[in-house]
Amino acid sequence: MTGTSHTASQEWRANWTLVLSAAAGFSFMSIMTTAMGAFIGPLVKEFGWSRTVVSMGLPIAGVLSVLLSPVVGLFIDRYGSRRLAIPGLVGMIVCTAAFGLISGSVTQWVVLWAVYALVSLAVTVSVWTAAVARAFTAGRGLALGLTLAGTAVAQAVAPVLATWLIGAFGWRTAFVAIAFGWGGFALLLCLLFFRAPSDGPAQAAARDTSAEPGLTIPQAWRDPGLWRIAISTFVLMVLTIGLLIHQIPILVEAGVTPERAALLAGAGGLAGILGKLVTGVLVDRFRANWVGGVTLGFTAFAFLLLLDGVRTPALIVAAMLINGYSAGTKLQICSYLTSRYGGLRNFGTIFGFIGSLTALGSALGPLLAGMVYDRTGGYEPFLIAGTIGCVFCGLLIVSLPRYPDWNEGPVRDDESPAADPNMRGLA
C-alpha cells in the first residue's frame, strides 16, 4: 500500500501541470454544451425558432463525431495529444465567437455548427484523457477525475456567466466574451503545460504501441465489457445531456425565475466537481464498476424529482445537485473503465469509438428533449424515460466482471481476457 501511495505521489509531482492544463482545455471544449441552455430563450425570442431548431446544432456535431472520432483516436495513439489540442483550441475560440454573428438563417446556423463540429474533434474528450491516462497508473482515477472536472467547472460557471453576459451585453457579445476570455485562458495553459509523456519533443515519426499492455483493436471490438461500457455511456449521455441543455427551460416551466434557474444549474456544476473528486478517490480504492454503477443509477433521482406532481422547491434543488454530482462522473467512469478493461495499447482508438457514441448521445439528447417539448407541451415523457434509463445503465456497469491485470504485458491476438479470465491475473 505504501509503495502504491509513493508511486501516486511521484506521478502527481511530475504531471500535475498536465492535469491542470487538460482540465482547462476540456472545460472550454464543453462550454457550448453547458452554456447553451442560457441562449435558448434569447434565440427563440429574436428569431422565432422552435426549441428543436435551436437544439439541432449538437446533433450535427454528434453525427460528425460518430464518423471521425475513431480516426482522431488513432491519430492520438500514433502522434500524441498536443498536436491536436493546440490548433483545436484556436479553432474553437474562433468558432464560438462566430456564433455571435448569426443573422437568423437556419442554413447559416447549420453550417456554423458543422464547422464547429469539425474543429471540436481536435479537442474531444479522448485528447485529454489519453494524455492523462498514459501519465498516471496508481493515481489514474483521481487524475482523470480532476481532468474531467473541467466540464463540471464549466457547468457550474457557464450558465451563470452566460445569463449575466446576455442580460448585461446581449447574447451576441456573450458568445464573443466566452470565446476569447475562457478559450484564451485555456489556450495559454495548454501552450505552457500540456505535454503528455507520449507526445515527446515534437517527433515526426509514429509511435510504436505494440509493446504496451492492452487489447488489440479486434479484441476490443468483441470484448463484451467494453460494449457494455459503451452502451451505458451512450444512453446516459442522451438522457443527461438532454437534461443539462434544457435544465433552465425545465426549471422555468416549474416556476423558477431564469436567474434562479441559472444559479441552480451552477450549483449542480459545483456538485459535479465534488462528484469527480469523490469518484476519483473511490475508483482508486474499490472496484470501479461498483462505484460507477451505483453512481450512475443514482442519477435516476434527478429525473424523478423533477416530475410534475413530485417536485417541490426543495426537491428541485436536490434534483439539480444530484444531476450535477452524477453528471460529473459519467465520462470519468467511462474513461477509467475503458483504460482498465482495454488497457493502454490502443486506448485512444478504443476510447475514440466510445467517444463517438458519447458525442452522438450528447447530440441526440437535447434534440430529443426539444422534440418532446414541442410535441407534448412539456418535458414529462423525457423525465420518465430518464428515470428508467439511468437505472438500466447503472445495472449494466455494476454487473461488469473484474478487469484484467495488464501488468503482465500485452495479450496475444488470439487471447481474450474478458472471455477467459483464467488466462491472465485479475485486478
Protein backbone atom coordinates (compact mmCIF):
# COMPACT_ATOMS: atom_id res chain seq x y z
CA MET A 1 0.00 0.00 0.00
CA THR A 2 2.83 2.35 0.83
CA GLY A 3 4.52 1.64 -2.45
CA THR A 4 1.37 2.42 -4.34
CA SER A 5 0.90 5.71 -2.48
CA HIS A 6 4.53 6.66 -3.13
CA THR A 7 4.12 5.91 -6.83
CA ALA A 8 0.98 8.03 -6.98
CA SER A 9 2.82 10.89 -5.29
CA GLN A 10 5.62 10.66 -7.84
CA GLU A 11 3.10 10.72 -10.67
CA TRP A 12 1.44 13.85 -9.29
CA ARG A 13 4.71 15.69 -8.71
CA ALA A 14 5.73 15.04 -12.29
CA ASN A 15 2.41 15.62 -14.05
CA TRP A 16 0.14 17.94 -12.05
CA THR A 17 0.53 20.74 -14.61
CA LEU A 18 -0.57 18.31 -17.32
CA VAL A 19 -3.80 17.64 -15.39
CA LEU A 20 -4.34 21.38 -14.83
CA SER A 21 -3.97 22.26 -18.50
CA ALA A 22 -6.04 19.27 -19.65
CA ALA A 23 -8.86 20.27 -17.28
CA ALA A 24 -8.78 23.83 -18.63
CA GLY A 25 -8.85 22.62 -22.22
CA PHE A 26 -11.68 20.21 -21.57
CA SER A 27 -13.69 22.88 -19.77
CA PHE A 28 -13.62 25.05 -22.90
CA MET A 29 -14.41 22.07 -25.11
CA SER A 30 -17.65 21.62 -23.15
CA ILE A 31 -18.57 25.31 -22.94
CA MET A 32 -21.20 25.25 -25.69
CA THR A 33 -22.95 22.29 -24.10
CA THR A 34 -23.03 23.79 -20.62
CA ALA A 35 -23.86 27.37 -21.64
CA MET A 36 -26.33 26.68 -24.46
CA GLY A 37 -29.33 26.47 -22.14
CA ALA A 38 -28.96 30.18 -21.37
CA PHE A 39 -29.07 31.03 -25.09
CA ILE A 40 -32.22 29.04 -25.95
CA GLY A 41 -34.67 31.69 -24.76
CA PRO A 42 -32.96 34.69 -26.39
CA LEU A 43 -32.55 32.88 -29.73
CA VAL A 44 -36.16 31.70 -29.76
CA LYS A 45 -37.32 35.25 -28.93
CA GLU A 46 -35.17 37.03 -31.52
CA PHE A 47 -35.52 34.67 -34.48
CA GLY A 48 -38.81 32.90 -33.73
CA TRP A 49 -37.14 29.49 -33.93
CA SER A 50 -38.58 26.45 -32.20
CA ARG A 51 -36.59 24.79 -29.43
CA THR A 52 -35.99 21.88 -31.79
CA VAL A 53 -34.23 24.20 -34.26
CA VAL A 54 -32.12 25.80 -31.54
CA SER A 55 -31.16 22.33 -30.27
CA MET A 56 -30.30 20.88 -33.67
CA GLY A 57 -26.70 22.11 -33.64
CA LEU A 58 -25.47 19.48 -31.20
CA PRO A 59 -26.84 16.58 -33.30
CA ILE A 60 -24.85 17.91 -36.25
CA ALA A 61 -21.71 17.84 -34.12
CA GLY A 62 -22.64 14.37 -32.91
CA VAL A 63 -23.01 12.87 -36.39
CA LEU A 64 -19.60 14.14 -37.49
CA SER A 65 -18.05 12.91 -34.24
CA VAL A 66 -19.50 9.44 -34.78
CA LEU A 67 -17.83 9.29 -38.17
CA LEU A 68 -14.47 10.79 -37.26
CA SER A 69 -13.78 10.23 -33.53
CA PRO A 70 -12.17 6.79 -34.11
CA VAL A 71 -9.82 8.42 -36.62
CA VAL A 72 -8.95 11.05 -34.02
CA GLY A 73 -8.24 8.29 -31.51
CA LEU A 74 -5.92 6.55 -33.97
CA PHE A 75 -4.07 9.83 -34.52
CA ILE A 76 -3.64 10.26 -30.75
CA ASP A 77 -2.22 6.75 -30.36
CA ARG A 78 0.30 7.37 -33.13
CA TYR A 79 1.30 11.01 -32.70
CA GLY A 80 0.16 12.16 -29.25
CA SER A 81 -2.44 14.63 -27.99
CA ARG A 82 -0.67 18.00 -28.13
CA ARG A 83 -0.64 18.15 -31.93
CA LEU A 84 -4.42 18.15 -31.90
CA ALA A 85 -5.14 20.13 -28.75
CA ILE A 86 -3.35 23.40 -29.54
CA PRO A 87 -4.74 24.08 -33.05
CA GLY A 88 -8.08 22.70 -31.88
CA LEU A 89 -8.37 25.28 -29.12
CA VAL A 90 -7.56 28.09 -31.54
CA GLY A 91 -10.27 26.87 -33.91
CA MET A 92 -12.77 26.52 -31.06
CA ILE A 93 -12.20 30.12 -29.98
CA VAL A 94 -12.91 31.40 -33.48
CA CYS A 95 -15.97 29.19 -33.99
CA THR A 96 -17.51 30.01 -30.61
CA ALA A 97 -17.13 33.74 -31.25
CA ALA A 98 -18.69 33.30 -34.71
CA PHE A 99 -22.00 32.23 -33.14
CA GLY A 100 -22.41 35.88 -32.17
CA LEU A 101 -22.63 36.78 -35.88
CA ILE A 102 -25.62 34.66 -36.90
CA SER A 103 -28.38 36.55 -38.73
CA GLY A 104 -31.39 34.30 -38.21
CA SER A 105 -30.85 32.00 -41.18
CA VAL A 106 -31.35 28.36 -40.22
CA THR A 107 -28.95 27.38 -43.01
CA GLN A 108 -26.29 29.62 -41.53
CA TRP A 109 -26.94 28.08 -38.11
CA VAL A 110 -26.50 24.56 -39.51
CA VAL A 111 -23.32 25.40 -41.45
CA LEU A 112 -21.73 27.10 -38.45
CA TRP A 113 -22.47 24.08 -36.27
CA ALA A 114 -20.96 21.78 -38.92
CA VAL A 115 -17.73 23.81 -38.90
CA TYR A 116 -17.76 23.87 -35.11
CA ALA A 117 -18.19 20.09 -35.07
CA LEU A 118 -15.16 19.50 -37.27
CA VAL A 119 -12.99 21.80 -35.17
CA SER A 120 -14.18 20.31 -31.87
CA LEU A 121 -12.88 16.88 -32.89
CA ALA A 122 -9.38 18.19 -32.16
CA VAL A 123 -10.29 18.86 -28.53
CA THR A 124 -12.63 15.95 -27.88
CA VAL A 125 -12.54 14.11 -24.58
CA SER A 126 -10.14 11.40 -25.79
CA VAL A 127 -7.46 14.04 -26.50
CA TRP A 128 -7.31 14.97 -22.82
CA THR A 129 -7.98 11.57 -21.24
CA ALA A 130 -5.44 9.72 -23.40
CA ALA A 131 -2.67 12.09 -22.31
CA VAL A 132 -3.55 11.81 -18.62
CA ALA A 133 -4.14 8.05 -18.67
CA ARG A 134 -0.65 7.49 -20.07
CA ALA A 135 0.93 9.69 -17.40
CA PHE A 136 -0.81 8.06 -14.42
CA THR A 137 -1.22 4.49 -13.21
CA ALA A 138 -1.54 4.38 -9.42
CA GLY A 139 -3.38 7.71 -9.30
CA ARG A 140 -5.24 7.40 -12.59
CA GLY A 141 -8.74 7.56 -11.14
CA LEU A 142 -8.20 10.86 -9.36
CA ALA A 143 -6.16 12.27 -12.25
CA LEU A 144 -8.93 11.53 -14.75
CA GLY A 145 -11.45 12.88 -12.27
CA LEU A 146 -9.66 16.21 -11.98
CA THR A 147 -9.16 16.40 -15.74
CA LEU A 148 -12.82 15.81 -16.43
CA ALA A 149 -13.73 18.20 -13.61
CA GLY A 150 -13.15 20.82 -16.29
CA THR A 151 -16.64 20.18 -17.61
CA ALA A 152 -18.06 20.37 -14.08
CA VAL A 153 -16.41 23.77 -13.65
CA ALA A 154 -17.97 24.81 -16.93
CA GLN A 155 -21.34 23.51 -15.77
CA ALA A 156 -21.03 25.48 -12.54
CA VAL A 157 -19.86 28.76 -14.06
CA ALA A 158 -21.05 28.87 -17.68
CA PRO A 159 -24.84 29.08 -17.11
CA VAL A 160 -24.46 31.89 -14.57
CA LEU A 161 -21.80 33.68 -16.63
CA ALA A 162 -23.74 33.34 -19.88
CA THR A 163 -27.00 34.51 -18.25
CA TRP A 164 -25.25 37.56 -16.80
CA LEU A 165 -23.47 38.40 -20.06
CA ILE A 166 -26.69 38.07 -22.04
CA GLY A 167 -28.56 40.31 -19.60
CA ALA A 168 -25.81 42.94 -19.47
CA PHE A 169 -24.49 42.97 -23.05
CA GLY A 170 -26.74 40.78 -25.21
CA TRP A 171 -26.35 37.24 -26.46
CA ARG A 172 -24.02 38.18 -29.35
CA THR A 173 -21.43 39.76 -27.07
CA ALA A 174 -21.84 36.85 -24.66
CA PHE A 175 -20.63 34.37 -27.31
CA VAL A 176 -17.58 36.52 -28.11
CA ALA A 177 -16.67 37.16 -24.46
CA ILE A 178 -16.88 33.47 -23.55
CA ALA A 179 -14.81 32.51 -26.60
CA PHE A 180 -11.87 34.83 -26.08
CA GLY A 181 -12.00 35.01 -22.28
CA TRP A 182 -12.43 31.37 -21.35
CA GLY A 183 -10.85 29.99 -24.51
CA GLY A 184 -7.85 32.28 -24.34
CA PHE A 185 -7.08 31.23 -20.78
CA ALA A 186 -7.33 27.53 -21.69
CA LEU A 187 -5.08 28.02 -24.72
CA LEU A 188 -2.41 29.76 -22.64
CA LEU A 189 -2.30 26.94 -20.08
CA CYS A 190 -2.09 24.28 -22.78
CA LEU A 191 0.69 26.09 -24.62
CA LEU A 192 2.70 26.13 -21.40
CA PHE A 193 1.92 22.79 -19.79
CA PHE A 194 0.02 20.33 -21.99
CA ARG A 195 2.79 17.86 -22.80
CA ALA A 196 1.95 14.21 -22.24
CA PRO A 197 4.72 11.60 -21.78
CA SER A 198 3.76 10.09 -25.13
CA ASP A 199 4.00 13.39 -27.01
CA GLY A 200 7.73 13.76 -26.72
CA PRO A 201 9.72 16.63 -28.24
CA ALA A 202 7.69 17.06 -31.42
CA GLN A 203 8.65 13.79 -33.01
CA ALA A 204 7.68 13.34 -36.63
CA ALA A 205 7.51 9.56 -36.68
CA ALA A 206 4.61 7.49 -35.46
CA ARG A 207 4.95 5.79 -32.07
CA ASP A 208 5.06 2.01 -31.78
CA THR A 209 2.39 1.00 -29.26
CA SER A 210 2.52 -2.76 -29.86
CA ALA A 211 4.60 -3.37 -26.72
CA GLU A 212 2.20 -1.52 -24.44
CA PRO A 213 -0.26 -3.51 -22.33
CA GLY A 214 -3.81 -3.79 -23.64
CA LEU A 215 -6.15 -5.22 -26.23
CA THR A 216 -5.70 -5.13 -29.97
CA ILE A 217 -8.47 -3.49 -31.96
CA PRO A 218 -10.09 -6.84 -32.99
CA GLN A 219 -10.01 -8.00 -29.35
CA ALA A 220 -11.57 -4.75 -28.17
CA TRP A 221 -14.26 -4.97 -30.84
CA ARG A 222 -15.52 -8.30 -29.49
CA ASP A 223 -15.00 -7.58 -25.79
CA PRO A 224 -18.41 -7.67 -24.02
CA GLY A 225 -17.24 -5.49 -21.13
CA LEU A 226 -16.25 -2.63 -23.43
CA TRP A 227 -19.56 -2.91 -25.28
CA ARG A 228 -21.49 -2.64 -22.02
CA ILE A 229 -19.47 0.44 -21.08
CA ALA A 230 -20.17 1.97 -24.49
CA ILE A 231 -23.92 1.26 -24.42
CA SER A 232 -24.31 2.55 -20.88
CA THR A 233 -22.40 5.74 -21.68
CA PHE A 234 -24.40 6.36 -24.86
CA VAL A 235 -27.79 6.03 -23.14
CA LEU A 236 -26.67 8.17 -20.21
CA MET A 237 -25.39 10.90 -22.49
CA VAL A 238 -28.70 11.00 -24.38
CA LEU A 239 -30.60 11.46 -21.14
CA THR A 240 -28.32 13.60 -19.02
CA ILE A 241 -27.12 15.98 -21.72
CA GLY A 242 -30.73 16.44 -22.78
CA LEU A 243 -31.50 17.40 -19.19
CA LEU A 244 -28.40 19.58 -18.95
CA ILE A 245 -29.18 21.62 -22.06
CA HIS A 246 -32.85 22.03 -21.18
CA GLN A 247 -32.47 22.33 -17.42
CA ILE A 248 -33.02 26.10 -17.37
CA PRO A 249 -36.19 25.87 -19.53
CA ILE A 250 -37.36 22.91 -17.40
CA LEU A 251 -36.89 24.91 -14.22
CA VAL A 252 -38.59 27.96 -15.72
CA GLU A 253 -41.55 25.73 -16.67
CA ALA A 254 -41.66 24.68 -12.99
CA GLY A 255 -41.98 28.32 -11.93
CA VAL A 256 -38.33 29.15 -11.23
CA THR A 257 -37.05 32.50 -12.47
CA PRO A 258 -34.33 32.39 -15.18
CA GLU A 259 -31.78 33.93 -12.81
CA ARG A 260 -32.51 31.42 -10.06
CA ALA A 261 -32.51 28.61 -12.62
CA ALA A 262 -29.01 29.66 -13.72
CA LEU A 263 -27.86 29.66 -10.07
CA LEU A 264 -29.29 26.17 -9.55
CA ALA A 265 -27.52 24.98 -12.71
CA GLY A 266 -24.31 26.47 -11.34
CA ALA A 267 -24.84 24.69 -8.04
CA GLY A 268 -25.17 21.47 -9.99
CA GLY A 269 -21.80 22.19 -11.58
CA LEU A 270 -20.19 22.61 -8.16
CA ALA A 271 -21.72 19.28 -7.15
CA GLY A 272 -20.15 17.85 -10.32
CA ILE A 273 -16.69 18.89 -9.16
CA LEU A 274 -17.32 17.10 -5.88
CA GLY A 275 -18.58 14.08 -7.79
CA LYS A 276 -15.41 13.81 -9.84
CA LEU A 277 -13.13 14.14 -6.81
CA VAL A 278 -15.03 11.63 -4.70
CA THR A 279 -15.37 9.17 -7.58
CA GLY A 280 -11.68 9.52 -8.45
CA VAL A 281 -10.67 8.62 -4.91
CA LEU A 282 -13.15 5.74 -4.72
CA VAL A 283 -12.21 4.05 -8.02
CA ASP A 284 -8.55 4.08 -6.99
CA ARG A 285 -9.51 2.11 -3.86
CA PHE A 286 -12.57 -0.01 -4.70
CA ARG A 287 -13.94 -1.86 -7.71
CA ALA A 288 -14.64 0.82 -10.27
CA ASN A 289 -17.71 -0.88 -11.73
CA TRP A 290 -19.39 -0.96 -8.31
CA VAL A 291 -18.62 2.70 -7.70
CA GLY A 292 -19.69 3.65 -11.21
CA GLY A 293 -22.83 1.54 -11.33
CA VAL A 294 -24.21 2.90 -8.07
CA THR A 295 -23.34 6.48 -9.01
CA LEU A 296 -24.89 6.29 -12.47
CA GLY A 297 -28.02 4.51 -11.24
CA PHE A 298 -28.49 7.20 -8.59
CA THR A 299 -28.88 9.72 -11.42
CA ALA A 300 -32.45 8.45 -11.88
CA PHE A 301 -33.49 10.59 -8.90
CA ALA A 302 -32.52 13.76 -10.78
CA PHE A 303 -35.24 12.99 -13.34
CA LEU A 304 -37.75 11.56 -10.89
CA LEU A 305 -37.70 14.57 -8.57
CA LEU A 306 -38.43 16.99 -11.43
CA LEU A 307 -41.66 15.26 -12.47
CA ASP A 308 -44.86 17.25 -12.20
CA GLY A 309 -46.64 16.15 -9.06
CA VAL A 310 -43.38 15.11 -7.39
CA ARG A 311 -41.31 18.26 -7.48
CA THR A 312 -41.27 20.81 -4.70
CA PRO A 313 -38.85 23.74 -4.27
CA ALA A 314 -36.64 21.61 -2.02
CA LEU A 315 -36.77 18.60 -4.37
CA ILE A 316 -35.89 20.78 -7.37
CA VAL A 317 -32.72 21.85 -5.57
CA ALA A 318 -31.99 18.23 -4.68
CA ALA A 319 -32.53 17.16 -8.30
CA MET A 320 -30.07 19.77 -9.58
CA LEU A 321 -27.44 18.72 -7.05
CA ILE A 322 -27.91 15.02 -7.84
CA ASN A 323 -27.76 15.65 -11.58
CA GLY A 324 -24.65 17.77 -11.17
CA TYR A 325 -22.91 15.23 -8.95
CA SER A 326 -23.59 12.30 -11.26
CA ALA A 327 -23.02 14.33 -14.43
CA GLY A 328 -19.56 14.99 -13.10
CA THR A 329 -18.79 11.29 -13.16
CA LYS A 330 -20.10 9.90 -16.48
CA LEU A 331 -17.07 10.42 -18.69
CA GLN A 332 -14.73 9.85 -15.77
CA ILE A 333 -16.17 6.40 -15.09
CA CYS A 334 -16.27 5.62 -18.81
CA SER A 335 -12.66 6.61 -19.46
CA TYR A 336 -11.36 4.88 -16.34
CA LEU A 337 -13.18 1.61 -17.08
CA THR A 338 -12.07 1.76 -20.73
CA SER A 339 -8.43 2.11 -19.69
CA ARG A 340 -8.77 -0.82 -17.26
CA TYR A 341 -10.75 -3.21 -19.47
CA GLY A 342 -8.99 -2.29 -22.72
CA GLY A 343 -5.52 -1.30 -21.48
CA LEU A 344 -3.38 1.49 -22.95
CA ARG A 345 -2.11 -0.23 -26.09
CA ASN A 346 -4.91 1.25 -28.23
CA PHE A 347 -6.66 3.41 -25.65
CA GLY A 348 -7.01 6.42 -27.95
CA THR A 349 -8.61 4.38 -30.72
CA ILE A 350 -10.90 2.40 -28.40
CA PHE A 351 -11.99 5.45 -26.45
CA GLY A 352 -12.31 7.34 -29.72
CA PHE A 353 -15.00 4.87 -30.79
CA ILE A 354 -16.75 5.12 -27.42
CA GLY A 355 -16.30 8.87 -27.66
CA SER A 356 -18.15 8.85 -30.97
CA LEU A 357 -21.11 7.23 -29.23
CA THR A 358 -20.75 9.76 -26.43
CA ALA A 359 -20.88 12.60 -28.94
CA LEU A 360 -23.88 11.08 -30.68
CA GLY A 361 -25.69 10.69 -27.37
CA SER A 362 -24.82 14.26 -26.40
CA ALA A 363 -26.22 15.43 -29.72
CA LEU A 364 -29.42 13.41 -29.68
CA GLY A 365 -30.33 14.20 -26.07
CA PRO A 366 -31.02 17.95 -26.46
CA LEU A 367 -32.81 17.34 -29.77
CA LEU A 368 -34.96 14.61 -28.23
CA ALA A 369 -35.85 16.77 -25.24
CA GLY A 370 -36.72 19.68 -27.53
CA MET A 371 -38.92 17.46 -29.73
CA VAL A 372 -40.70 16.08 -26.67
CA TYR A 373 -41.48 19.61 -25.52
CA ASP A 374 -42.60 20.82 -28.95
CA ARG A 375 -44.94 17.85 -29.44
CA THR A 376 -46.35 17.41 -25.93
CA GLY A 377 -46.04 20.89 -24.46
CA GLY A 378 -43.92 19.63 -21.57
CA TYR A 379 -40.92 17.58 -20.55
CA GLU A 380 -42.71 14.83 -18.58
CA PRO A 381 -42.17 11.93 -21.06
CA PHE A 382 -38.47 12.79 -21.26
CA LEU A 383 -38.14 12.85 -17.46
CA ILE A 384 -39.86 9.47 -17.15
CA ALA A 385 -37.53 7.98 -19.77
CA GLY A 386 -34.57 9.42 -17.87
CA THR A 387 -35.65 7.80 -14.62
CA ILE A 388 -35.90 4.34 -16.20
CA GLY A 389 -32.82 4.69 -18.41
CA CYS A 390 -30.44 5.70 -15.63
CA VAL A 391 -31.39 2.63 -13.56
CA PHE A 392 -30.74 0.42 -16.60
CA CYS A 393 -27.31 1.97 -17.21
CA GLY A 394 -26.30 1.60 -13.58
CA LEU A 395 -27.13 -2.11 -13.69
CA LEU A 396 -25.03 -2.57 -16.85
CA ILE A 397 -21.97 -1.16 -15.11
CA VAL A 398 -22.35 -2.63 -11.62
CA SER A 399 -22.62 -6.16 -13.05
CA LEU A 400 -19.35 -5.98 -15.02
CA PRO A 401 -16.73 -8.65 -14.17
CA ARG A 402 -13.32 -7.77 -12.77
CA TYR A 403 -10.95 -6.18 -15.25
CA PRO A 404 -7.64 -7.79 -16.35
CA ASP A 405 -4.29 -7.13 -14.72
CA TRP A 406 -2.29 -5.52 -17.51
CA ASN A 407 0.97 -5.66 -15.56
CA GLU A 408 1.68 -8.93 -17.38
CA GLY A 409 2.03 -7.03 -20.65
CA PRO A 410 0.07 -7.04 -23.93
CA VAL A 411 -2.07 -10.02 -24.85
CA ARG A 412 -1.64 -12.07 -27.98
CA ASP A 413 -4.06 -11.62 -30.83
CA ASP A 414 -5.70 -14.96 -30.02
CA GLU A 415 -6.22 -14.10 -26.33
CA SER A 416 -9.38 -12.59 -24.88
CA PRO A 417 -9.06 -11.65 -21.20
CA ALA A 418 -12.74 -10.88 -20.82
CA ALA A 419 -13.81 -14.17 -22.35
CA ASP A 420 -11.33 -16.27 -20.37
CA PRO A 421 -10.15 -14.55 -17.18
CA ASN A 422 -8.04 -17.55 -16.27
CA MET A 423 -5.57 -16.59 -18.97
CA ARG A 424 -4.45 -13.55 -17.01
CA GLY A 425 -4.22 -12.27 -13.45
CA LEU A 426 -7.22 -10.31 -12.29
CA ALA A 427 -7.08 -6.95 -10.51
